[in-house]
Amino acid sequence: MEWIWNVLWPVLGVLAGFAAGWGTKRSLNRREESLALNELITYLHQKRTLAPIDPQPSAAGPMEARHRSAVLDLRENLMETLARLTPGSSATAVLMRMSAAGNRYLRDAADDPERYQFALMELRQNLDEDLRILTDGRRDVRYLSPGEAPERRPGGRGRTPPSSSSGGATRAKRTPEARR
């Protein structure tokens, strides 16, 4: 009867090792998927093409072509994100709907270029709804509204100037000649 323990312990050790490896792989896959989704959401948030506007009929021109190019780029980014998802991910269906919304915009804008702004706001609404679905119930994926990133100031590089209200004087920037 003692021989059973000599066989059982190694088998249990192998099963425990397999379970630990499987759990680690699953955790890493989820982290990679969350990273890909957060990158996509940030990309859509910064996309100025998706900024909310009051749509008006307008003649097709350079702006319509610019928006079409931006939506093509958006669709490509969606496909790249899809490729990074784990097989069977619940986000796959949502990303496919987002891609279909982009296709619908391209079709509608091609059919009636003067109403491209209306189609663009419909695309924005569809993407916003899908992003809310995508982030619902996922604590590691945060929601950001598409196209609503604050505009960058020219030359600002995202930094805020030092505040003079802190009471201290701000130091003048030293030039290379002054450093010598």
C-alpha atoms as a PDB file:
ATOM      1  CA  MET A   1       0.000   0.000   0.000  1.00  0.00           C
ATOM      2  CA  GLU A   2       2.956   2.270   0.520  1.00  0.00           C
ATOM      3  CA  TRP A   3       3.734   2.180  -3.200  1.00  0.00           C
ATOM      4  CA  ILE A   4       0.556   4.139  -3.944  1.00  0.00           C
ATOM      5  CA  TRP A   5       1.945   7.185  -2.156  1.00  0.00           C
ATOM      6  CA  ASN A   6       5.165   6.887  -4.123  1.00  0.00           C
ATOM      7  CA  VAL A   7       3.125   7.181  -7.336  1.00  0.00           C
ATOM      8  CA  LEU A   8       0.443   9.587  -6.137  1.00  0.00           C
ATOM      9  CA  TRP A   9       2.751  12.391  -4.882  1.00  0.00           C
ATOM     10  CA  PRO A  10       4.622  12.846  -8.197  1.00  0.00           C
ATOM     11  CA  VAL A  11       1.345  12.766 -10.132  1.00  0.00           C
ATOM     12  CA  LEU A  12      -0.134  15.410  -7.817  1.00  0.00           C
ATOM     13  CA  GLY A  13       3.059  17.466  -8.221  1.00  0.00           C
ATOM     14  CA  VAL A  14       2.773  17.340 -12.011  1.00  0.00           C
ATOM     15  CA  LEU A  15      -0.906  18.348 -11.868  1.00  0.00           C
ATOM     16  CA  ALA A  16      -0.143  21.235  -9.489  1.00  0.00           C
ATOM     17  CA  GLY A  17       2.664  22.429 -11.792  1.00  0.00           C
ATOM     18  CA  PHE A  18       0.373  22.214 -14.806  1.00  0.00           C
ATOM     19  CA  ALA A  19      -2.346  24.184 -12.997  1.00  0.00           C
ATOM     20  CA  ALA A  20       0.120  26.869 -11.915  1.00  0.00           C
ATOM     21  CA  GLY A  21       1.468  27.219 -15.470  1.00  0.00           C
ATOM     22  CA  TRP A  22      -2.016  27.361 -16.951  1.00  0.00           C
ATOM     23  CA  GLY A  23      -3.088  30.019 -14.440  1.00  0.00           C
ATOM     24  CA  THR A  24      -0.011  32.111 -15.157  1.00  0.00           C
ATOM     25  CA  LYS A  25      -0.535  31.871 -18.920  1.00  0.00           C
ATOM     26  CA  ARG A  26      -4.173  32.877 -18.548  1.00  0.00           C
ATOM     27  CA  SER A  27      -3.207  35.847 -16.376  1.00  0.00           C
ATOM     28  CA  LEU A  28      -0.589  37.000 -18.889  1.00  0.00           C
ATOM     29  CA  ASN A  29      -3.070  36.652 -21.768  1.00  0.00           C
ATOM     30  CA  ARG A  30      -5.648  38.721 -19.895  1.00  0.00           C
ATOM     31  CA  ARG A  31      -3.058  41.386 -19.130  1.00  0.00           C
ATOM     32  CA  GLU A  32      -1.993  41.541 -22.799  1.00  0.00           C
ATOM     33  CA  GLU A  33      -5.630  41.770 -23.895  1.00  0.00           C
ATOM     34  CA  SER A  34      -6.330  44.571 -21.409  1.00  0.00           C
ATOM     35  CA  LEU A  35      -3.260  46.430 -22.624  1.00  0.00           C
ATOM     36  CA  ALA A  36      -4.402  46.136 -26.242  1.00  0.00           C
ATOM     37  CA  LEU A  37      -7.913  47.330 -25.385  1.00  0.00           C
ATOM     38  CA  ASN A  38      -6.628  50.274 -23.342  1.00  0.00           C
ATOM     39  CA  GLU A  39      -4.354  51.285 -26.227  1.00  0.00           C
ATOM     40  CA  LEU A  40      -7.301  51.170 -28.628  1.00  0.00           C
ATOM     41  CA  ILE A  41      -9.525  53.187 -26.283  1.00  0.00           C
ATOM     42  CA  THR A  42      -6.806  55.822 -25.829  1.00  0.00           C
ATOM     43  CA  TYR A  43      -6.295  55.951 -29.601  1.00  0.00           C
ATOM     44  CA  LEU A  44     -10.017  56.537 -30.158  1.00  0.00           C
ATOM     45  CA  HIS A  45     -10.093  59.111 -27.352  1.00  0.00           C
ATOM     46  CA  GLN A  46      -7.349  61.120 -29.047  1.00  0.00           C
ATOM     47  CA  LYS A  47      -8.844  60.856 -32.542  1.00  0.00           C
ATOM     48  CA  ARG A  48      -9.898  64.448 -33.358  1.00  0.00           C
ATOM     49  CA  THR A  49     -12.011  63.159 -36.248  1.00  0.00           C
ATOM     50  CA  LEU A  50     -14.406  61.680 -33.690  1.00  0.00           C
ATOM     51  CA  ALA A  51     -14.802  64.917 -31.723  1.00  0.00           C
ATOM     52  CA  PRO A  52     -18.473  65.823 -31.239  1.00  0.00           C
ATOM     53  CA  ILE A  53     -19.765  68.418 -33.708  1.00  0.00           C
ATOM     54  CA  ASP A  54     -23.107  69.766 -34.859  1.00  0.00           C
ATOM     55  CA  PRO A  55     -23.371  68.039 -38.234  1.00  0.00           C
ATOM     56  CA  GLN A  56     -24.377  70.126 -41.226  1.00  0.00           C
ATOM     57  CA  PRO A  57     -24.650  69.318 -44.907  1.00  0.00           C
ATOM     58  CA  SER A  58     -21.455  70.414 -46.628  1.00  0.00           C
ATOM     59  CA  ALA A  59     -19.786  69.940 -49.941  1.00  0.00           C
ATOM     60  CA  ALA A  60     -17.345  67.071 -50.192  1.00  0.00           C
ATOM     61  CA  GLY A  61     -13.805  68.331 -50.089  1.00  0.00           C
ATOM     62  CA  PRO A  62     -10.529  67.944 -48.258  1.00  0.00           C
ATOM     63  CA  MET A  63     -12.191  67.541 -44.847  1.00  0.00           C
ATOM     64  CA  GLU A  64     -14.342  64.668 -46.081  1.00  0.00           C
ATOM     65  CA  ALA A  65     -11.255  62.974 -47.532  1.00  0.00           C
ATOM     66  CA  ARG A  66      -9.378  63.569 -44.257  1.00  0.00           C
ATOM     67  CA  HIS A  67     -12.169  61.971 -42.236  1.00  0.00           C
ATOM     68  CA  ARG A  68     -12.372  59.033 -44.632  1.00  0.00           C
ATOM     69  CA  SER A  69      -8.635  58.474 -44.267  1.00  0.00           C
ATOM     70  CA  ALA A  70      -8.941  58.690 -40.466  1.00  0.00           C
ATOM     71  CA  VAL A  71     -11.733  56.084 -40.442  1.00  0.00           C
ATOM     72  CA  LEU A  72      -9.653  53.770 -42.633  1.00  0.00           C
ATOM     73  CA  ASP A  73      -6.818  54.176 -40.129  1.00  0.00           C
ATOM     74  CA  LEU A  74      -9.251  53.520 -37.277  1.00  0.00           C
ATOM     75  CA  ARG A  75     -10.424  50.319 -38.939  1.00  0.00           C
ATOM     76  CA  GLU A  76      -6.841  49.144 -39.390  1.00  0.00           C
ATOM     77  CA  ASN A  77      -6.165  49.823 -35.704  1.00  0.00           C
ATOM     78  CA  LEU A  78      -9.251  47.780 -34.783  1.00  0.00           C
ATOM     79  CA  MET A  79      -7.960  44.836 -36.825  1.00  0.00           C
ATOM     80  CA  GLU A  80      -4.550  45.044 -35.140  1.00  0.00           C
ATOM     81  CA  THR A  81      -6.255  45.008 -31.744  1.00  0.00           C
ATOM     82  CA  LEU A  82      -8.363  42.012 -32.797  1.00  0.00           C
ATOM     83  CA  ALA A  83      -5.180  40.144 -33.664  1.00  0.00           C
ATOM     84  CA  ARG A  84      -3.872  40.723 -30.116  1.00  0.00           C
ATOM     85  CA  LEU A  85      -6.964  39.308 -28.390  1.00  0.00           C
ATOM     86  CA  THR A  86      -7.028  35.815 -26.984  1.00  0.00           C
ATOM     87  CA  PRO A  87      -9.135  33.297 -28.913  1.00  0.00           C
ATOM     88  CA  GLY A  88     -12.735  33.255 -27.680  1.00  0.00           C
ATOM     89  CA  SER A  89     -12.468  36.697 -26.064  1.00  0.00           C
ATOM     90  CA  SER A  90     -15.743  38.456 -25.298  1.00  0.00           C
ATOM     91  CA  ALA A  91     -14.253  41.632 -26.786  1.00  0.00           C
ATOM     92  CA  THR A  92     -14.056  40.091 -30.269  1.00  0.00           C
ATOM     93  CA  ALA A  93     -17.747  40.615 -31.060  1.00  0.00           C
ATOM     94  CA  VAL A  94     -17.617  44.231 -29.867  1.00  0.00           C
ATOM     95  CA  LEU A  95     -14.550  45.018 -31.978  1.00  0.00           C
ATOM     96  CA  MET A  96     -16.198  43.406 -35.005  1.00  0.00           C
ATOM     97  CA  ARG A  97     -19.252  45.670 -34.483  1.00  0.00           C
ATOM     98  CA  MET A  98     -16.931  48.665 -34.268  1.00  0.00           C
ATOM     99  CA  SER A  99     -15.269  47.652 -37.524  1.00  0.00           C
ATOM    100  CA  ALA A 100     -18.687  47.216 -39.157  1.00  0.00           C
ATOM    101  CA  ALA A 101     -19.636  50.732 -37.991  1.00  0.00           C
ATOM    102  CA  GLY A 102     -16.505  52.047 -39.714  1.00  0.00           C
ATOM    103  CA  ASN A 103     -17.451  50.194 -42.901  1.00  0.00           C
ATOM    104  CA  ARG A 104     -20.956  51.645 -42.682  1.00  0.00           C
ATOM    105  CA  TYR A 105     -19.528  55.172 -42.373  1.00  0.00           C
ATOM    106  CA  LEU A 106     -17.299  54.657 -45.412  1.00  0.00           C
ATOM    107  CA  ARG A 107     -20.242  53.344 -47.426  1.00  0.00           C
ATOM    108  CA  ASP A 108     -22.602  56.144 -46.331  1.00  0.00           C
ATOM    109  CA  ALA A 109     -20.004  58.861 -46.939  1.00  0.00           C
ATOM    110  CA  ALA A 110     -19.292  57.465 -50.408  1.00  0.00           C
ATOM    111  CA  ASP A 111     -23.017  57.301 -51.253  1.00  0.00           C
ATOM    112  CA  ASP A 112     -23.776  60.853 -50.072  1.00  0.00           C
ATOM    113  CA  PRO A 113     -20.566  62.865 -49.507  1.00  0.00           C
ATOM    114  CA  GLU A 114     -22.479  66.029 -48.578  1.00  0.00           C
ATOM    115  CA  ARG A 115     -23.871  64.320 -45.465  1.00  0.00           C
ATOM    116  CA  TYR A 116     -20.581  62.845 -44.269  1.00  0.00           C
ATOM    117  CA  GLN A 117     -20.745  64.826 -41.005  1.00  0.00           C
ATOM    118  CA  PHE A 118     -24.024  63.127 -40.098  1.00  0.00           C
ATOM    119  CA  ALA A 119     -22.527  59.721 -40.860  1.00  0.00           C
ATOM    120  CA  LEU A 120     -19.451  60.666 -38.818  1.00  0.00           C
ATOM    121  CA  MET A 121     -21.533  61.510 -35.747  1.00  0.00           C
ATOM    122  CA  GLU A 122     -23.459  58.259 -36.163  1.00  0.00           C
ATOM    123  CA  LEU A 123     -20.107  56.437 -36.244  1.00  0.00           C
ATOM    124  CA  ARG A 124     -19.021  58.286 -33.097  1.00  0.00           C
ATOM    125  CA  GLN A 125     -22.252  57.323 -31.321  1.00  0.00           C
ATOM    126  CA  ASN A 126     -21.847  53.651 -32.315  1.00  0.00           C
ATOM    127  CA  LEU A 127     -18.207  53.601 -31.187  1.00  0.00           C
ATOM    128  CA  ASP A 128     -19.133  55.263 -27.892  1.00  0.00           C
ATOM    129  CA  GLU A 129     -21.826  52.649 -27.191  1.00  0.00           C
ATOM    130  CA  ASP A 130     -19.443  49.817 -28.061  1.00  0.00           C
ATOM    131  CA  LEU A 131     -16.688  51.276 -25.866  1.00  0.00           C
ATOM    132  CA  ARG A 132     -19.107  51.411 -22.944  1.00  0.00           C
ATOM    133  CA  ILE A 133     -19.964  47.736 -23.534  1.00  0.00           C
ATOM    134  CA  LEU A 134     -16.276  46.883 -23.847  1.00  0.00           C
ATOM    135  CA  THR A 135     -15.334  48.522 -20.543  1.00  0.00           C
ATOM    136  CA  ASP A 136     -18.402  47.407 -18.585  1.00  0.00           C
ATOM    137  CA  GLY A 137     -17.415  44.818 -16.000  1.00  0.00           C
ATOM    138  CA  ARG A 138     -13.689  45.073 -16.744  1.00  0.00           C
ATOM    139  CA  ARG A 139     -11.856  46.870 -14.014  1.00  0.00           C
ATOM    140  CA  ASP A 140      -8.545  46.793 -15.899  1.00  0.00           C
ATOM    141  CA  VAL A 141      -9.954  48.551 -18.996  1.00  0.00           C
ATOM    142  CA  ARG A 142     -10.976  52.168 -18.541  1.00  0.00           C
ATOM    143  CA  TYR A 143     -13.579  54.070 -20.539  1.00  0.00           C
ATOM    144  CA  LEU A 144     -12.627  57.230 -22.429  1.00  0.00           C
ATOM    145  CA  SER A 145     -15.073  58.962 -24.746  1.00  0.00           C
ATOM    146  CA  PRO A 146     -13.981  58.880 -28.410  1.00  0.00           C
ATOM    147  CA  GLY A 147     -12.600  62.140 -29.808  1.00  0.00           C
ATOM    148  CA  GLU A 148     -12.818  64.067 -26.558  1.00  0.00           C
ATOM    149  CA  ALA A 149      -9.160  64.315 -25.581  1.00  0.00           C
ATOM    150  CA  PRO A 150      -8.251  67.900 -24.717  1.00  0.00           C
ATOM    151  CA  GLU A 151      -6.563  69.738 -27.535  1.00  0.00           C
ATOM    152  CA  ARG A 152      -2.828  70.078 -27.230  1.00  0.00           C
ATOM    153  CA  ARG A 153      -1.404  73.549 -27.110  1.00  0.00           C
ATOM    154  CA  PRO A 154       1.242  74.245 -29.745  1.00  0.00           C
ATOM    155  CA  GLY A 155       4.660  73.478 -28.311  1.00  0.00           C
ATOM    156  CA  GLY A 156       3.131  72.374 -25.014  1.00  0.00           C
ATOM    157  CA  ARG A 157       4.228  68.724 -25.103  1.00  0.00           C
ATOM    158  CA  GLY A 158       1.598  67.983 -22.485  1.00  0.00           C
ATOM    159  CA  ARG A 159       3.412  69.729 -19.633  1.00  0.00           C
ATOM    160  CA  THR A 160       1.835  72.456 -17.587  1.00  0.00           C
ATOM    161  CA  PRO A 161       3.902  75.537 -16.863  1.00  0.00           C
ATOM    162  CA  PRO A 162       5.069  75.987 -13.277  1.00  0.00           C
ATOM    163  CA  SER A 163       2.627  77.888 -11.151  1.00  0.00           C
ATOM    164  CA  SER A 164       3.739  81.218  -9.727  1.00  0.00           C
ATOM    165  CA  SER A 165       1.093  80.947  -7.018  1.00  0.00           C
ATOM    166  CA  SER A 166       3.310  78.621  -4.996  1.00  0.00           C
ATOM    167  CA  GLY A 167       5.078  81.644  -3.532  1.00  0.00           C
ATOM    168  CA  GLY A 168       8.489  80.751  -4.928  1.00  0.00           C
ATOM    169  CA  ALA A 169      10.096  82.508  -7.831  1.00  0.00           C
ATOM    170  CA  THR A 170      10.580  80.500 -10.972  1.00  0.00           C
ATOM    171  CA  ARG A 171      14.156  80.087 -12.047  1.00  0.00           C
ATOM    172  CA  ALA A 172      15.210  81.341 -15.451  1.00  0.00           C
ATOM    173  CA  LYS A 173      16.219  78.680 -17.937  1.00  0.00           C
ATOM    174  CA  ARG A 174      19.990  78.517 -18.367  1.00  0.00           C
ATOM    175  CA  THR A 175      21.358  78.620 -21.866  1.00  0.00           C
ATOM    176  CA  PRO A 176      24.263  76.382 -22.926  1.00  0.00           C
ATOM    177  CA  GLU A 177      26.593  79.433 -22.845  1.00  0.00           C
ATOM    178  CA  ALA A 178      25.600  80.229 -19.240  1.00  0.00           C
ATOM    179  CA  ARG A 179      26.373  76.682 -18.111  1.00  0.00           C
ATOM    180  CA  ARG A 180      30.058  76.968 -19.080  1.00  0.00           C
END
